[in-house]
Every structure is written in C-alpha cells, then in structure tokens.
C-alpha cells in the first residue's frame, strides 16, 4: 500500500482544491447547488482518486484511479473556463488556475506512464 501524502501530485491537487473552495466562496448564492458544487466536487475528486488508488493492490488498479483523477482535472479545467466566462473569476486568476490544472494533468500522465513501464 502506498502513502498518498508522499506523492507530490497529491499535494498539488489538494492545494488546488483548497484554493477552489476559497474562490467559490465568493460565487453568487444561486450557484451554490450548480457551478459552486460541481467545481468543488471535480477538483476534490483529483486528490480523492489519487488517495483511493494508493490504497489498491496493484499498479494496474492505481493507474485506473489516476485515469479517473485525470478526467476530473479536465472537468475542473472546463469549469474554471466557465466561471471565467460567467465573470465569476478574473482572467488572470483563471489563467493561473488553468496553468496549475495543466501541471497536475501533466504530472498524472507522467505517473501513469511510469506505472505502465514498471
């Protein structure tokens, strides 16, 4: 069993989730059960799936959970774009968040490749 807290990718995605929660605190109240909830779930799904994958027995299972985390990262990226287009997030702030999501996606992909070649 792996310790998910030792993975840098988990730390990056956890920090992103914390920042998404802070950001969405200022979203309009009518978005509480819409965009606010969805972007929080998508972002928290990234470190959650990394954590769950670490508790699995094989590299193949871990890789499957990394694939799910990658999908959640893509969903998070889109929802940041949507929030920007709805003017809930400033352009520069959304660009920074998207850069962070893309770094996470890249690192997940690299870890998946490493597992595949192990």
PDB file of N, CA and C in Angstrom:
ATOM      1  N   UNK A   1       0.840  -1.180   0.000  1.00  0.00           N
ATOM      2  CA  UNK A   1       0.000   0.000   0.000  1.00  0.00           C
ATOM      3  C   UNK A   1       0.887   1.247   0.000  1.00  0.00           C
ATOM      4  N   UNK A   2       0.513   2.196  -0.828  1.00  0.00           N
ATOM      5  CA  UNK A   2       1.267   3.435  -0.952  1.00  0.00           C
ATOM      6  C   UNK A   2       0.714   4.490   0.016  1.00  0.00           C
ATOM      7  N   UNK A   3       1.567   5.429   0.411  1.00  0.00           N
ATOM      8  CA  UNK A   3       1.135   6.557   1.232  1.00  0.00           C
ATOM      9  C   UNK A   3       0.887   7.741   0.295  1.00  0.00           C
ATOM     10  N   UNK A   4      -0.385   8.056   0.060  1.00  0.00           N
ATOM     11  CA  UNK A   4      -0.726   9.109  -0.900  1.00  0.00           C
ATOM     12  C   UNK A   4      -0.130  10.454  -0.532  1.00  0.00           C
ATOM     13  N   UNK A   5       0.099  10.717   0.757  1.00  0.00           N
ATOM     14  CA  UNK A   5       0.636  12.015   1.178  1.00  0.00           C
ATOM     15  C   UNK A   5       2.077  12.223   0.728  1.00  0.00           C
ATOM     16  N   UNK A   6       2.741  11.146   0.313  1.00  0.00           N
ATOM     17  CA  UNK A   6       4.120  11.255  -0.165  1.00  0.00           C
ATOM     18  C   UNK A   6       4.193  11.626  -1.642  1.00  0.00           C
ATOM     19  N   UNK A   7       3.062  11.610  -2.328  1.00  0.00           N
ATOM     20  CA  UNK A   7       3.045  11.948  -3.757  1.00  0.00           C
ATOM     21  C   UNK A   7       2.876  13.451  -3.940  1.00  0.00           C
ATOM     22  N   UNK A   8       3.828  14.048  -4.636  1.00  0.00           N
ATOM     23  CA  UNK A   8       3.781  15.489  -4.911  1.00  0.00           C
ATOM     24  C   UNK A   8       2.501  15.847  -5.669  1.00  0.00           C
ATOM     25  N   UNK A   9       2.075  14.977  -6.552  1.00  0.00           N
ATOM     26  CA  UNK A   9       0.866  15.222  -7.337  1.00  0.00           C
ATOM     27  C   UNK A   9      -0.366  15.311  -6.430  1.00  0.00           C
ATOM     28  N   UNK A  10      -0.381  14.523  -5.357  1.00  0.00           N
ATOM     29  CA  UNK A  10      -1.494  14.611  -4.409  1.00  0.00           C
ATOM     30  C   UNK A  10      -1.473  15.974  -3.722  1.00  0.00           C
ATOM     31  N   UNK A  11      -0.307  16.430  -3.301  1.00  0.00           N
ATOM     32  CA  UNK A  11      -0.170  17.723  -2.620  1.00  0.00           C
ATOM     33  C   UNK A  11      -0.620  18.866  -3.538  1.00  0.00           C
ATOM     34  N   UNK A  12      -0.173  18.828  -4.798  1.00  0.00           N
ATOM     35  CA  UNK A  12      -0.571  19.872  -5.747  1.00  0.00           C
ATOM     36  C   UNK A  12      -2.087  19.911  -5.923  1.00  0.00           C
ATOM     37  N   UNK A  13      -2.689  18.738  -6.067  1.00  0.00           N
ATOM     38  CA  UNK A  13      -4.131  18.688  -6.306  1.00  0.00           C
ATOM     39  C   UNK A  13      -4.918  19.037  -5.035  1.00  0.00           C
ATOM     40  N   UNK A  14      -4.406  18.686  -3.883  1.00  0.00           N
ATOM     41  CA  UNK A  14      -5.049  19.072  -2.623  1.00  0.00           C
ATOM     42  C   UNK A  14      -5.017  20.596  -2.463  1.00  0.00           C
ATOM     43  N   UNK A  15      -3.870  21.195  -2.742  1.00  0.00           N
ATOM     44  CA  UNK A  15      -3.744  22.656  -2.649  1.00  0.00           C
ATOM     45  C   UNK A  15      -4.671  23.358  -3.631  1.00  0.00           C
ATOM     46  N   UNK A  16      -4.792  22.804  -4.842  1.00  0.00           N
ATOM     47  CA  UNK A  16      -5.717  23.372  -5.826  1.00  0.00           C
ATOM     48  C   UNK A  16      -7.143  23.319  -5.288  1.00  0.00           C
ATOM     49  N   UNK A  17      -7.518  22.195  -4.710  1.00  0.00           N
ATOM     50  CA  UNK A  17      -8.869  22.043  -4.158  1.00  0.00           C
ATOM     51  C   UNK A  17      -9.136  23.071  -3.068  1.00  0.00           C
ATOM     52  N   UNK A  18      -8.175  23.269  -2.185  1.00  0.00           N
ATOM     53  CA  UNK A  18      -8.342  24.281  -1.140  1.00  0.00           C
ATOM     54  C   UNK A  18      -8.565  25.660  -1.747  1.00  0.00           C
ATOM     55  N   UNK A  19      -7.801  25.981  -2.802  1.00  0.00           N
ATOM     56  CA  UNK A  19      -7.951  27.286  -3.455  1.00  0.00           C
ATOM     57  C   UNK A  19      -9.283  27.401  -4.199  1.00  0.00           C
ATOM     58  N   UNK A  20      -9.755  26.310  -4.770  1.00  0.00           N
ATOM     59  CA  UNK A  20     -11.062  26.321  -5.443  1.00  0.00           C
ATOM     60  C   UNK A  20     -12.171  26.581  -4.409  1.00  0.00           C
ATOM     61  N   UNK A  21     -12.062  25.958  -3.247  1.00  0.00           N
ATOM     62  CA  UNK A  21     -13.057  26.207  -2.198  1.00  0.00           C
ATOM     63  C   UNK A  21     -13.059  27.678  -1.786  1.00  0.00           C
ATOM     64  N   UNK A  22     -11.879  28.271  -1.626  1.00  0.00           N
ATOM     65  CA  UNK A  22     -11.798  29.692  -1.264  1.00  0.00           C
ATOM     66  C   UNK A  22     -12.395  30.557  -2.361  1.00  0.00           C
ATOM     67  N   UNK A  23     -12.047  30.244  -3.602  1.00  0.00           N
ATOM     68  CA  UNK A  23     -12.527  31.011  -4.750  1.00  0.00           C
ATOM     69  C   UNK A  23     -14.044  30.964  -4.850  1.00  0.00           C
ATOM     70  N   UNK A  24     -14.610  29.777  -4.724  1.00  0.00           N
ATOM     71  CA  UNK A  24     -16.045  29.615  -4.932  1.00  0.00           C
ATOM     72  C   UNK A  24     -16.872  30.164  -3.770  1.00  0.00           C
ATOM     73  N   UNK A  25     -16.223  30.447  -2.670  1.00  0.00           N
ATOM     74  CA  UNK A  25     -16.926  31.068  -1.546  1.00  0.00           C
ATOM     75  C   UNK A  25     -17.557  32.390  -1.985  1.00  0.00           C
ATOM     76  N   UNK A  26     -16.927  33.044  -2.967  1.00  0.00           N
ATOM     77  CA  UNK A  26     -17.430  34.325  -3.453  1.00  0.00           C
ATOM     78  C   UNK A  26     -18.359  34.224  -4.660  1.00  0.00           C
ATOM     79  N   UNK A  27     -18.670  33.018  -5.103  1.00  0.00           N
ATOM     80  CA  UNK A  27     -19.588  32.862  -6.232  1.00  0.00           C
ATOM     81  C   UNK A  27     -20.997  33.277  -5.802  1.00  0.00           C
ATOM     82  N   UNK A  28     -21.839  33.645  -6.756  1.00  0.00           N
ATOM     83  CA  UNK A  28     -23.218  34.021  -6.413  1.00  0.00           C
ATOM     84  C   UNK A  28     -23.943  32.892  -5.681  1.00  0.00           C
ATOM     85  N   UNK A  29     -24.811  33.253  -4.753  1.00  0.00           N
ATOM     86  CA  UNK A  29     -25.536  32.262  -3.941  1.00  0.00           C
ATOM     87  C   UNK A  29     -26.393  31.336  -4.805  1.00  0.00           C
ATOM     88  N   UNK A  30     -26.901  31.846  -5.934  1.00  0.00           N
ATOM     89  CA  UNK A  30     -27.733  30.991  -6.788  1.00  0.00           C
ATOM     90  C   UNK A  30     -26.930  29.871  -7.456  1.00  0.00           C
ATOM     91  N   UNK A  31     -25.598  29.957  -7.385  1.00  0.00           N
ATOM     92  CA  UNK A  31     -24.733  28.912  -7.943  1.00  0.00           C
ATOM     93  C   UNK A  31     -24.346  27.850  -6.911  1.00  0.00           C
ATOM     94  N   UNK A  32     -24.833  27.976  -5.680  1.00  0.00           N
ATOM     95  CA  UNK A  32     -24.426  27.058  -4.617  1.00  0.00           C
ATOM     96  C   UNK A  32     -24.641  25.597  -5.000  1.00  0.00           C
ATOM     97  N   UNK A  33     -25.782  25.287  -5.603  1.00  0.00           N
ATOM     98  CA  UNK A  33     -26.067  23.899  -5.978  1.00  0.00           C
ATOM     99  C   UNK A  33     -25.767  23.630  -7.450  1.00  0.00           C
ATOM    100  N   UNK A  34     -25.191  24.601  -8.118  1.00  0.00           N
ATOM    101  CA  UNK A  34     -24.822  24.465  -9.517  1.00  0.00           C
ATOM    102  C   UNK A  34     -23.314  24.455  -9.669  1.00  0.00           C
ATOM    103  N   UNK A  35     -22.781  25.515 -10.218  1.00  0.00           N
ATOM    104  CA  UNK A  35     -21.356  25.598 -10.526  1.00  0.00           C
ATOM    105  C   UNK A  35     -20.481  25.470  -9.282  1.00  0.00           C
ATOM    106  N   UNK A  36     -20.863  26.100  -8.192  1.00  0.00           N
ATOM    107  CA  UNK A  36     -20.052  26.028  -6.963  1.00  0.00           C
ATOM    108  C   UNK A  36     -19.870  24.577  -6.530  1.00  0.00           C
ATOM    109  N   UNK A  37     -20.957  23.875  -6.442  1.00  0.00           N
ATOM    110  CA  UNK A  37     -20.908  22.473  -6.025  1.00  0.00           C
ATOM    111  C   UNK A  37     -20.133  21.614  -7.026  1.00  0.00           C
ATOM    112  N   UNK A  38     -20.378  21.837  -8.303  1.00  0.00           N
ATOM    113  CA  UNK A  38     -19.751  20.992  -9.327  1.00  0.00           C
ATOM    114  C   UNK A  38     -18.235  21.193  -9.394  1.00  0.00           C
ATOM    115  N   UNK A  39     -17.773  22.435  -9.345  1.00  0.00           N
ATOM    116  CA  UNK A  39     -16.325  22.669  -9.438  1.00  0.00           C
ATOM    117  C   UNK A  39     -15.623  22.185  -8.170  1.00  0.00           C
ATOM    118  N   UNK A  40     -16.291  22.285  -7.035  1.00  0.00           N
ATOM    119  CA  UNK A  40     -15.710  21.756  -5.790  1.00  0.00           C
ATOM    120  C   UNK A  40     -15.589  20.232  -5.868  1.00  0.00           C
ATOM    121  N   UNK A  41     -16.641  19.573  -6.341  1.00  0.00           N
ATOM    122  CA  UNK A  41     -16.605  18.103  -6.458  1.00  0.00           C
ATOM    123  C   UNK A  41     -15.547  17.656  -7.456  1.00  0.00           C
ATOM    124  N   UNK A  42     -15.468  18.350  -8.596  1.00  0.00           N
ATOM    125  CA  UNK A  42     -14.497  17.967  -9.633  1.00  0.00           C
ATOM    126  C   UNK A  42     -13.070  18.127  -9.121  1.00  0.00           C
ATOM    127  N   UNK A  43     -12.787  19.259  -8.484  1.00  0.00           N
ATOM    128  CA  UNK A  43     -11.412  19.488  -8.017  1.00  0.00           C
ATOM    129  C   UNK A  43     -11.055  18.530  -6.889  1.00  0.00           C
ATOM    130  N   UNK A  44     -11.987  18.284  -5.966  1.00  0.00           N
ATOM    131  CA  UNK A  44     -11.672  17.377  -4.854  1.00  0.00           C
ATOM    132  C   UNK A  44     -11.579  15.924  -5.319  1.00  0.00           C
ATOM    133  N   UNK A  45     -12.161  15.623  -6.444  1.00  0.00           N
ATOM    134  CA  UNK A  45     -12.088  14.267  -6.998  1.00  0.00           C
ATOM    135  C   UNK A  45     -10.666  13.921  -7.442  1.00  0.00           C
ATOM    136  N   UNK A  46      -9.869  14.920  -7.770  1.00  0.00           N
ATOM    137  CA  UNK A  46      -8.489  14.656  -8.209  1.00  0.00           C
ATOM    138  C   UNK A  46      -7.682  14.031  -7.067  1.00  0.00           C
ATOM    139  N   UNK A  47      -7.497  14.731  -5.928  1.00  0.00           N
ATOM    140  CA  UNK A  47      -6.719  14.099  -4.847  1.00  0.00           C
ATOM    141  C   UNK A  47      -7.435  12.899  -4.233  1.00  0.00           C
ATOM    142  N   UNK A  48      -8.769  12.895  -4.277  1.00  0.00           N
ATOM    143  CA  UNK A  48      -9.512  11.765  -3.723  1.00  0.00           C
ATOM    144  C   UNK A  48      -9.190  10.483  -4.490  1.00  0.00           C
ATOM    145  N   UNK A  49      -9.177  10.557  -5.810  1.00  0.00           N
ATOM    146  CA  UNK A  49      -8.892   9.364  -6.609  1.00  0.00           C
ATOM    147  C   UNK A  49      -7.431   8.949  -6.524  1.00  0.00           C
ATOM    148  N   UNK A  50      -6.535   9.917  -6.379  1.00  0.00           N
ATOM    149  CA  UNK A  50      -5.129   9.572  -6.163  1.00  0.00           C
ATOM    150  C   UNK A  50      -5.001   8.818  -4.839  1.00  0.00           C
ATOM    151  N   UNK A  51      -5.678   9.327  -3.811  1.00  0.00           N
ATOM    152  CA  UNK A  51      -5.650   8.678  -2.494  1.00  0.00           C
ATOM    153  C   UNK A  51      -6.223   7.273  -2.555  1.00  0.00           C
ATOM    154  N   UNK A  52      -7.374   7.138  -3.182  1.00  0.00           N
ATOM    155  CA  UNK A  52      -8.005   5.824  -3.262  1.00  0.00           C
ATOM    156  C   UNK A  52      -7.153   4.846  -4.064  1.00  0.00           C
ATOM    157  N   UNK A  53      -6.570   5.324  -5.155  1.00  0.00           N
ATOM    158  CA  UNK A  53      -5.707   4.468  -5.961  1.00  0.00           C
ATOM    159  C   UNK A  53      -4.506   3.965  -5.184  1.00  0.00           C
ATOM    160  N   UNK A  54      -3.999   4.804  -4.289  1.00  0.00           N
ATOM    161  CA  UNK A  54      -2.852   4.390  -3.470  1.00  0.00           C
ATOM    162  C   UNK A  54      -3.203   3.238  -2.538  1.00  0.00           C
ATOM    163  N   UNK A  55      -4.471   3.100  -2.214  1.00  0.00           N
ATOM    164  CA  UNK A  55      -4.896   2.035  -1.326  1.00  0.00           C
ATOM    165  C   UNK A  55      -5.188   0.726  -2.038  1.00  0.00           C
ATOM    166  N   UNK A  56      -4.995   0.709  -3.339  1.00  0.00           N
ATOM    167  CA  UNK A  56      -5.278  -0.501  -4.112  1.00  0.00           C
ATOM    168  C   UNK A  56      -4.056  -1.402  -4.172  1.00  0.00           C
ATOM    169  N   UNK A  57      -4.292  -2.645  -4.577  1.00  0.00           N
ATOM    170  CA  UNK A  57      -3.259  -3.675  -4.504  1.00  0.00           C
ATOM    171  C   UNK A  57      -2.257  -3.685  -5.652  1.00  0.00           C
ATOM    172  N   UNK A  58      -2.620  -3.124  -6.787  1.00  0.00           N
ATOM    173  CA  UNK A  58      -1.740  -3.277  -7.946  1.00  0.00           C
ATOM    174  C   UNK A  58      -1.516  -1.948  -8.656  1.00  0.00           C
ATOM    175  N   UNK A  59      -0.436  -1.915  -9.446  1.00  0.00           N
ATOM    176  CA  UNK A  59      -0.163  -0.748 -10.278  1.00  0.00           C
ATOM    177  C   UNK A  59      -1.293  -0.524 -11.278  1.00  0.00           C
ATOM    178  N   UNK A  60      -1.881  -1.620 -11.769  1.00  0.00           N
ATOM    179  CA  UNK A  60      -2.968  -1.520 -12.745  1.00  0.00           C
ATOM    180  C   UNK A  60      -4.180  -0.802 -12.130  1.00  0.00           C
ATOM    181  N   UNK A  61      -4.514  -1.175 -10.896  1.00  0.00           N
ATOM    182  CA  UNK A  61      -5.633  -0.515 -10.217  1.00  0.00           C
ATOM    183  C   UNK A  61      -5.307   0.948  -9.917  1.00  0.00           C
ATOM    184  N   UNK A  62      -4.093   1.201  -9.460  1.00  0.00           N
ATOM    185  CA  UNK A  62      -3.666   2.579  -9.192  1.00  0.00           C
ATOM    186  C   UNK A  62      -3.772   3.407 -10.471  1.00  0.00           C
ATOM    187  N   UNK A  63      -3.338   2.843 -11.572  1.00  0.00           N
ATOM    188  CA  UNK A  63      -3.386   3.525 -12.861  1.00  0.00           C
ATOM    189  C   UNK A  63      -4.833   3.872 -13.238  1.00  0.00           C
ATOM    190  N   UNK A  64      -5.756   2.972 -12.954  1.00  0.00           N
ATOM    191  CA  UNK A  64      -7.171   3.216 -13.261  1.00  0.00           C
ATOM    192  C   UNK A  64      -7.686   4.429 -12.477  1.00  0.00           C
ATOM    193  N   UNK A  65      -7.313   4.537 -11.212  1.00  0.00           N
ATOM    194  CA  UNK A  65      -7.743   5.684 -10.407  1.00  0.00           C
ATOM    195  C   UNK A  65      -7.054   6.973 -10.864  1.00  0.00           C
ATOM    196  N   UNK A  66      -5.831   6.858 -11.355  1.00  0.00           N
ATOM    197  CA  UNK A  66      -5.167   8.034 -11.927  1.00  0.00           C
ATOM    198  C   UNK A  66      -5.893   8.500 -13.182  1.00  0.00           C
ATOM    199  N   UNK A  67      -6.419   7.576 -13.956  1.00  0.00           N
ATOM    200  CA  UNK A  67      -7.199   7.935 -15.140  1.00  0.00           C
ATOM    201  C   UNK A  67      -8.450   8.718 -14.735  1.00  0.00           C
ATOM    202  N   UNK A  68      -9.093   8.279 -13.674  1.00  0.00           N
ATOM    203  CA  UNK A  68     -10.275   8.993 -13.179  1.00  0.00           C
ATOM    204  C   UNK A  68      -9.871  10.383 -12.683  1.00  0.00           C
ATOM    205  N   UNK A  69      -8.746  10.476 -11.977  1.00  0.00           N
ATOM    206  CA  UNK A  69      -8.243  11.774 -11.498  1.00  0.00           C
ATOM    207  C   UNK A  69      -7.949  12.701 -12.678  1.00  0.00           C
ATOM    208  N   UNK A  70      -7.414  12.143 -13.749  1.00  0.00           N
ATOM    209  CA  UNK A  70      -7.121  12.936 -14.954  1.00  0.00           C
ATOM    210  C   UNK A  70      -8.412  13.484 -15.558  1.00  0.00           C
ATOM    211  N   UNK A  71      -9.446  12.656 -15.603  1.00  0.00           N
ATOM    212  CA  UNK A  71     -10.743  13.123 -16.091  1.00  0.00           C
ATOM    213  C   UNK A  71     -11.301  14.235 -15.231  1.00  0.00           C
ATOM    214  N   UNK A  72     -11.147  14.114 -13.924  1.00  0.00           N
ATOM    215  CA  UNK A  72     -11.619  15.154 -13.011  1.00  0.00           C
ATOM    216  C   UNK A  72     -10.829  16.449 -13.193  1.00  0.00           C
ATOM    217  N   UNK A  73      -9.551  16.327 -13.498  1.00  0.00           N
ATOM    218  CA  UNK A  73      -8.736  17.521 -13.759  1.00  0.00           C
ATOM    219  C   UNK A  73      -9.231  18.225 -15.020  1.00  0.00           C
ATOM    220  N   UNK A  74      -9.573  17.461 -16.049  1.00  0.00           N
ATOM    221  CA  UNK A  74     -10.119  18.059 -17.275  1.00  0.00           C
ATOM    222  C   UNK A  74     -11.455  18.746 -16.995  1.00  0.00           C
ATOM    223  N   UNK A  75     -12.288  18.104 -16.197  1.00  0.00           N
ATOM    224  CA  UNK A  75     -13.567  18.703 -15.816  1.00  0.00           C
ATOM    225  C   UNK A  75     -13.340  19.999 -15.045  1.00  0.00           C
ATOM    226  N   UNK A  76     -12.399  19.993 -14.126  1.00  0.00           N
ATOM    227  CA  UNK A  76     -12.082  21.189 -13.345  1.00  0.00           C
ATOM    228  C   UNK A  76     -11.618  22.321 -14.256  1.00  0.00           C
ATOM    229  N   UNK A  77     -10.771  21.979 -15.221  1.00  0.00           N
ATOM    230  CA  UNK A  77     -10.292  22.997 -16.165  1.00  0.00           C
ATOM    231  C   UNK A  77     -11.465  23.655 -16.889  1.00  0.00           C
ATOM    232  N   UNK A  78     -12.387  22.829 -17.403  1.00  0.00           N
ATOM    233  CA  UNK A  78     -13.542  23.396 -18.099  1.00  0.00           C
ATOM    234  C   UNK A  78     -14.368  24.290 -17.167  1.00  0.00           C
ATOM    235  N   UNK A  79     -14.594  23.843 -15.948  1.00  0.00           N
ATOM    236  CA  UNK A  79     -15.427  24.617 -15.031  1.00  0.00           C
ATOM    237  C   UNK A  79     -14.776  25.945 -14.649  1.00  0.00           C
ATOM    238  N   UNK A  80     -13.459  25.990 -14.630  1.00  0.00           N
ATOM    239  CA  UNK A  80     -12.752  27.268 -14.420  1.00  0.00           C
ATOM    240  C   UNK A  80     -13.009  28.191 -15.602  1.00  0.00           C
ATOM    241  N   UNK A  81     -12.942  27.640 -16.810  1.00  0.00           N
ATOM    242  CA  UNK A  81     -13.234  28.432 -18.024  1.00  0.00           C
ATOM    243  C   UNK A  81     -14.660  28.969 -17.970  1.00  0.00           C
ATOM    244  N   UNK A  82     -15.598  28.100 -17.583  1.00  0.00           N
ATOM    245  CA  UNK A  82     -16.992  28.517 -17.477  1.00  0.00           C
ATOM    246  C   UNK A  82     -17.151  29.640 -16.449  1.00  0.00           C
ATOM    247  N   UNK A  83     -16.522  29.486 -15.291  1.00  0.00           N
ATOM    248  CA  UNK A  83     -16.603  30.523 -14.255  1.00  0.00           C
ATOM    249  C   UNK A  83     -16.031  31.849 -14.758  1.00  0.00           C
ATOM    250  N   UNK A  84     -14.958  31.774 -15.534  1.00  0.00           N
ATOM    251  CA  UNK A  84     -14.373  32.999 -16.104  1.00  0.00           C
ATOM    252  C   UNK A  84     -15.347  33.631 -17.096  1.00  0.00           C
ATOM    253  N   UNK A  85     -15.926  32.800 -17.969  1.00  0.00           N
ATOM    254  CA  UNK A  85     -16.851  33.321 -18.972  1.00  0.00           C
ATOM    255  C   UNK A  85     -18.127  33.894 -18.359  1.00  0.00           C
ATOM    256  N   UNK A  86     -18.493  33.406 -17.185  1.00  0.00           N
ATOM    257  CA  UNK A  86     -19.641  33.951 -16.457  1.00  0.00           C
ATOM    258  C   UNK A  86     -19.248  35.151 -15.594  1.00  0.00           C
ATOM    259  N   UNK A  87     -17.982  35.533 -15.679  1.00  0.00           N
ATOM    260  CA  UNK A  87     -17.366  36.657 -14.950  1.00  0.00           C
ATOM    261  C   UNK A  87     -17.389  36.470 -13.433  1.00  0.00           C
ATOM    262  N   UNK A  88     -17.314  35.220 -12.984  1.00  0.00           N
ATOM    263  CA  UNK A  88     -17.185  34.933 -11.549  1.00  0.00           C
ATOM    264  C   UNK A  88     -15.714  34.929 -11.130  1.00  0.00           C
ATOM    265  N   UNK A  89     -14.831  34.814 -12.129  1.00  0.00           N
ATOM    266  CA  UNK A  89     -13.385  34.754 -11.885  1.00  0.00           C
ATOM    267  C   UNK A  89     -12.710  35.701 -12.865  1.00  0.00           C
ATOM    268  N   UNK A  90     -11.719  36.431 -12.379  1.00  0.00           N
ATOM    269  CA  UNK A  90     -10.936  37.333 -13.234  1.00  0.00           C
ATOM    270  C   UNK A  90     -10.097  36.517 -14.223  1.00  0.00           C
ATOM    271  N   UNK A  91      -9.800  37.105 -15.376  1.00  0.00           N
ATOM    272  CA  UNK A  91      -8.991  36.427 -16.402  1.00  0.00           C
ATOM    273  C   UNK A  91      -7.652  35.944 -15.870  1.00  0.00           C
ATOM    274  N   UNK A  92      -6.933  36.830 -15.169  1.00  0.00           N
ATOM    275  CA  UNK A  92      -5.602  36.439 -14.691  1.00  0.00           C
ATOM    276  C   UNK A  92      -5.683  35.318 -13.658  1.00  0.00           C
ATOM    277  N   UNK A  93      -6.696  35.358 -12.818  1.00  0.00           N
ATOM    278  CA  UNK A  93      -6.870  34.309 -11.816  1.00  0.00           C
ATOM    279  C   UNK A  93      -7.218  32.975 -12.483  1.00  0.00           C
ATOM    280  N   UNK A  94      -8.075  33.015 -13.484  1.00  0.00           N
ATOM    281  CA  UNK A  94      -8.436  31.774 -14.177  1.00  0.00           C
ATOM    282  C   UNK A  94      -7.237  31.218 -14.929  1.00  0.00           C
ATOM    283  N   UNK A  95      -6.423  32.092 -15.509  1.00  0.00           N
ATOM    284  CA  UNK A  95      -5.224  31.621 -16.222  1.00  0.00           C
ATOM    285  C   UNK A  95      -4.258  30.905 -15.280  1.00  0.00           C
ATOM    286  N   UNK A  96      -4.081  31.453 -14.095  1.00  0.00           N
ATOM    287  CA  UNK A  96      -3.197  30.828 -13.102  1.00  0.00           C
ATOM    288  C   UNK A  96      -3.748  29.468 -12.681  1.00  0.00           C
ATOM    289  N   UNK A  97      -5.053  29.406 -12.424  1.00  0.00           N
ATOM    290  CA  UNK A  97      -5.670  28.136 -12.028  1.00  0.00           C
ATOM    291  C   UNK A  97      -5.559  27.095 -13.139  1.00  0.00           C
ATOM    292  N   UNK A  98      -5.785  27.516 -14.373  1.00  0.00           N
ATOM    293  CA  UNK A  98      -5.695  26.590 -15.503  1.00  0.00           C
ATOM    294  C   UNK A  98      -4.262  26.090 -15.673  1.00  0.00           C
ATOM    295  N   UNK A  99      -3.279  26.963 -15.472  1.00  0.00           N
ATOM    296  CA  UNK A  99      -1.877  26.523 -15.524  1.00  0.00           C
ATOM    297  C   UNK A  99      -1.614  25.456 -14.457  1.00  0.00           C
ATOM    298  N   UNK A 100      -2.147  25.662 -13.281  1.00  0.00           N
ATOM    299  CA  UNK A 100      -1.968  24.683 -12.200  1.00  0.00           C
ATOM    300  C   UNK A 100      -2.645  23.354 -12.549  1.00  0.00           C
ATOM    301  N   UNK A 101      -3.850  23.430 -13.110  1.00  0.00           N
ATOM    302  CA  UNK A 101      -4.549  22.210 -13.511  1.00  0.00           C
ATOM    303  C   UNK A 101      -3.752  21.485 -14.589  1.00  0.00           C
ATOM    304  N   UNK A 102      -3.217  22.230 -15.540  1.00  0.00           N
ATOM    305  CA  UNK A 102      -2.439  21.595 -16.611  1.00  0.00           C
ATOM    306  C   UNK A 102      -1.158  20.960 -16.087  1.00  0.00           C
ATOM    307  N   UNK A 103      -0.546  21.557 -15.080  1.00  0.00           N
ATOM    308  CA  UNK A 103       0.621  20.942 -14.439  1.00  0.00           C
ATOM    309  C   UNK A 103       0.209  19.627 -13.774  1.00  0.00           C
ATOM    310  N   UNK A 104      -0.901  19.641 -13.084  1.00  0.00           N
ATOM    311  CA  UNK A 104      -1.411  18.425 -12.438  1.00  0.00           C
ATOM    312  C   UNK A 104      -1.704  17.355 -13.480  1.00  0.00           C
ATOM    313  N   UNK A 105      -2.358  17.736 -14.564  1.00  0.00           N
ATOM    314  CA  UNK A 105      -2.661  16.766 -15.627  1.00  0.00           C
ATOM    315  C   UNK A 105      -1.377  16.159 -16.188  1.00  0.00           C
ATOM    316  N   UNK A 106      -0.387  16.992 -16.408  1.00  0.00           N
ATOM    317  CA  UNK A 106       0.890  16.513 -16.932  1.00  0.00           C
ATOM    318  C   UNK A 106       1.553  15.539 -15.964  1.00  0.00           C
ATOM    319  N   UNK A 107       1.537  15.866 -14.690  1.00  0.00           N
ATOM    320  CA  UNK A 107       2.176  15.004 -13.690  1.00  0.00           C
ATOM    321  C   UNK A 107       1.404  13.689 -13.511  1.00  0.00           C
ATOM    322  N   UNK A 108       0.088  13.732 -13.618  1.00  0.00           N
ATOM    323  CA  UNK A 108      -0.689  12.493 -13.562  1.00  0.00           C
ATOM    324  C   UNK A 108      -0.312  11.613 -14.752  1.00  0.00           C
ATOM    325  N   UNK A 109      -0.251  12.221 -15.924  1.00  0.00           N
ATOM    326  CA  UNK A 109       0.102  11.462 -17.130  1.00  0.00           C
ATOM    327  C   UNK A 109       1.494  10.831 -16.974  1.00  0.00           C
ATOM    328  N   UNK A 110       2.462  11.597 -16.469  1.00  0.00           N
ATOM    329  CA  UNK A 110       3.813  11.069 -16.268  1.00  0.00           C
ATOM    330  C   UNK A 110       3.814   9.901 -15.283  1.00  0.00           C
ATOM    331  N   UNK A 111       3.040  10.018 -14.214  1.00  0.00           N
ATOM    332  CA  UNK A 111       2.969   8.926 -13.239  1.00  0.00           C
ATOM    333  C   UNK A 111       2.320   7.700 -13.861  1.00  0.00           C
ATOM    334  N   UNK A 112       1.296   7.901 -14.664  1.00  0.00           N
ATOM    335  CA  UNK A 112       0.650   6.780 -15.365  1.00  0.00           C
ATOM    336  C   UNK A 112       1.654   6.065 -16.269  1.00  0.00           C
ATOM    337  N   UNK A 113       2.464   6.831 -16.986  1.00  0.00           N
ATOM    338  CA  UNK A 113       3.462   6.238 -17.886  1.00  0.00           C
ATOM    339  C   UNK A 113       4.493   5.461 -17.084  1.00  0.00           C
ATOM    340  N   UNK A 114       4.902   6.006 -15.965  1.00  0.00           N
ATOM    341  CA  UNK A 114       5.888   5.348 -15.097  1.00  0.00           C
ATOM    342  C   UNK A 114       5.339   4.016 -14.588  1.00  0.00           C
ATOM    343  N   UNK A 115       4.066   4.005 -14.193  1.00  0.00           N
ATOM    344  CA  UNK A 115       3.432   2.776 -13.717  1.00  0.00           C
ATOM    345  C   UNK A 115       3.333   1.733 -14.832  1.00  0.00           C
ATOM    346  N   UNK A 116       3.028   2.219 -16.015  1.00  0.00           N
ATOM    347  CA  UNK A 116       2.879   1.328 -17.165  1.00  0.00           C
ATOM    348  C   UNK A 116       4.201   0.654 -17.521  1.00  0.00           C
ATOM    349  N   UNK A 117       5.298   1.401 -17.359  1.00  0.00           N
ATOM    350  CA  UNK A 117       6.625   0.901 -17.736  1.00  0.00           C
ATOM    351  C   UNK A 117       7.317   0.156 -16.600  1.00  0.00           C
ATOM    352  N   UNK A 118       6.680   0.109 -15.447  1.00  0.00           N
ATOM    353  CA  UNK A 118       7.324  -0.552 -14.286  1.00  0.00           C
ATOM    354  C   UNK A 118       7.239  -2.076 -14.391  1.00  0.00           C
TER     355      UNK A 118
END
